[in-house]
């Protein structure tokens, strides 16, 4: 069974996997996407000095 063109083109966050229609904003980078929720969580981690 093959996927439809709509399914193949459906954009989703590369971090959490949420679909474009399930988030407020999806930011595109070279071959990746990040949603507003993951940006906010990443910002919290950076502000706390975590992630190392």
Protein backbone atom coordinates (compact mmCIF):
# COMPACT_ATOMS: atom_id res chain seq x y z
CA UNK A 1 0.00 0.00 0.00
CA UNK A 2 1.36 3.42 -0.91
CA UNK A 3 0.93 6.61 1.04
CA UNK A 4 -1.04 9.48 -0.44
CA UNK A 5 0.72 12.68 -1.49
CA UNK A 6 -0.98 14.49 1.41
CA UNK A 7 0.50 12.04 3.94
CA UNK A 8 3.96 12.29 2.38
CA UNK A 9 3.90 16.10 2.48
CA UNK A 10 2.50 16.34 6.00
CA UNK A 11 4.94 18.39 8.05
CA UNK A 12 5.75 17.51 11.65
CA UNK A 13 8.13 18.59 14.37
CA UNK A 14 11.43 16.73 14.15
CA UNK A 15 11.71 16.78 17.96
CA UNK A 16 8.29 15.79 19.33
CA UNK A 17 6.61 14.49 16.18
CA UNK A 18 3.51 16.69 16.45
CA UNK A 19 1.84 17.43 13.13
CA UNK A 20 1.70 20.93 11.67
CA UNK A 21 -2.03 21.22 12.37
CA UNK A 22 -1.52 20.30 16.05
CA UNK A 23 0.82 23.20 16.91
CA UNK A 24 0.66 26.99 16.65
CA UNK A 25 3.86 27.39 14.63
CA UNK A 26 6.30 25.12 12.83
CA UNK A 27 9.70 26.61 12.01
CA UNK A 28 11.64 25.07 9.12
CA UNK A 29 15.37 24.51 8.94
CA UNK A 30 17.47 22.58 6.42
CA UNK A 31 15.61 19.26 6.43
CA UNK A 32 14.17 19.70 9.94
CA UNK A 33 11.20 21.36 11.63
CA UNK A 34 10.64 22.51 15.21
CA UNK A 35 7.32 23.51 16.76
CA UNK A 36 6.67 26.45 19.07
CA UNK A 37 6.29 24.07 22.03
CA UNK A 38 9.74 22.52 21.52
CA UNK A 39 11.28 25.97 21.03
CA UNK A 40 9.78 27.04 24.38
CA UNK A 41 11.04 23.89 26.12
CA UNK A 42 14.50 24.31 24.57
CA UNK A 43 14.57 27.92 25.72
CA UNK A 44 13.76 26.82 29.29
CA UNK A 45 16.62 24.29 29.21
CA UNK A 46 19.09 26.91 27.96
CA UNK A 47 17.95 29.48 30.54
CA UNK A 48 18.38 26.94 33.35
CA UNK A 49 21.89 26.15 32.12
CA UNK A 50 20.97 22.54 31.43
CA UNK A 51 21.58 20.41 28.41
CA UNK A 52 25.25 19.67 29.14
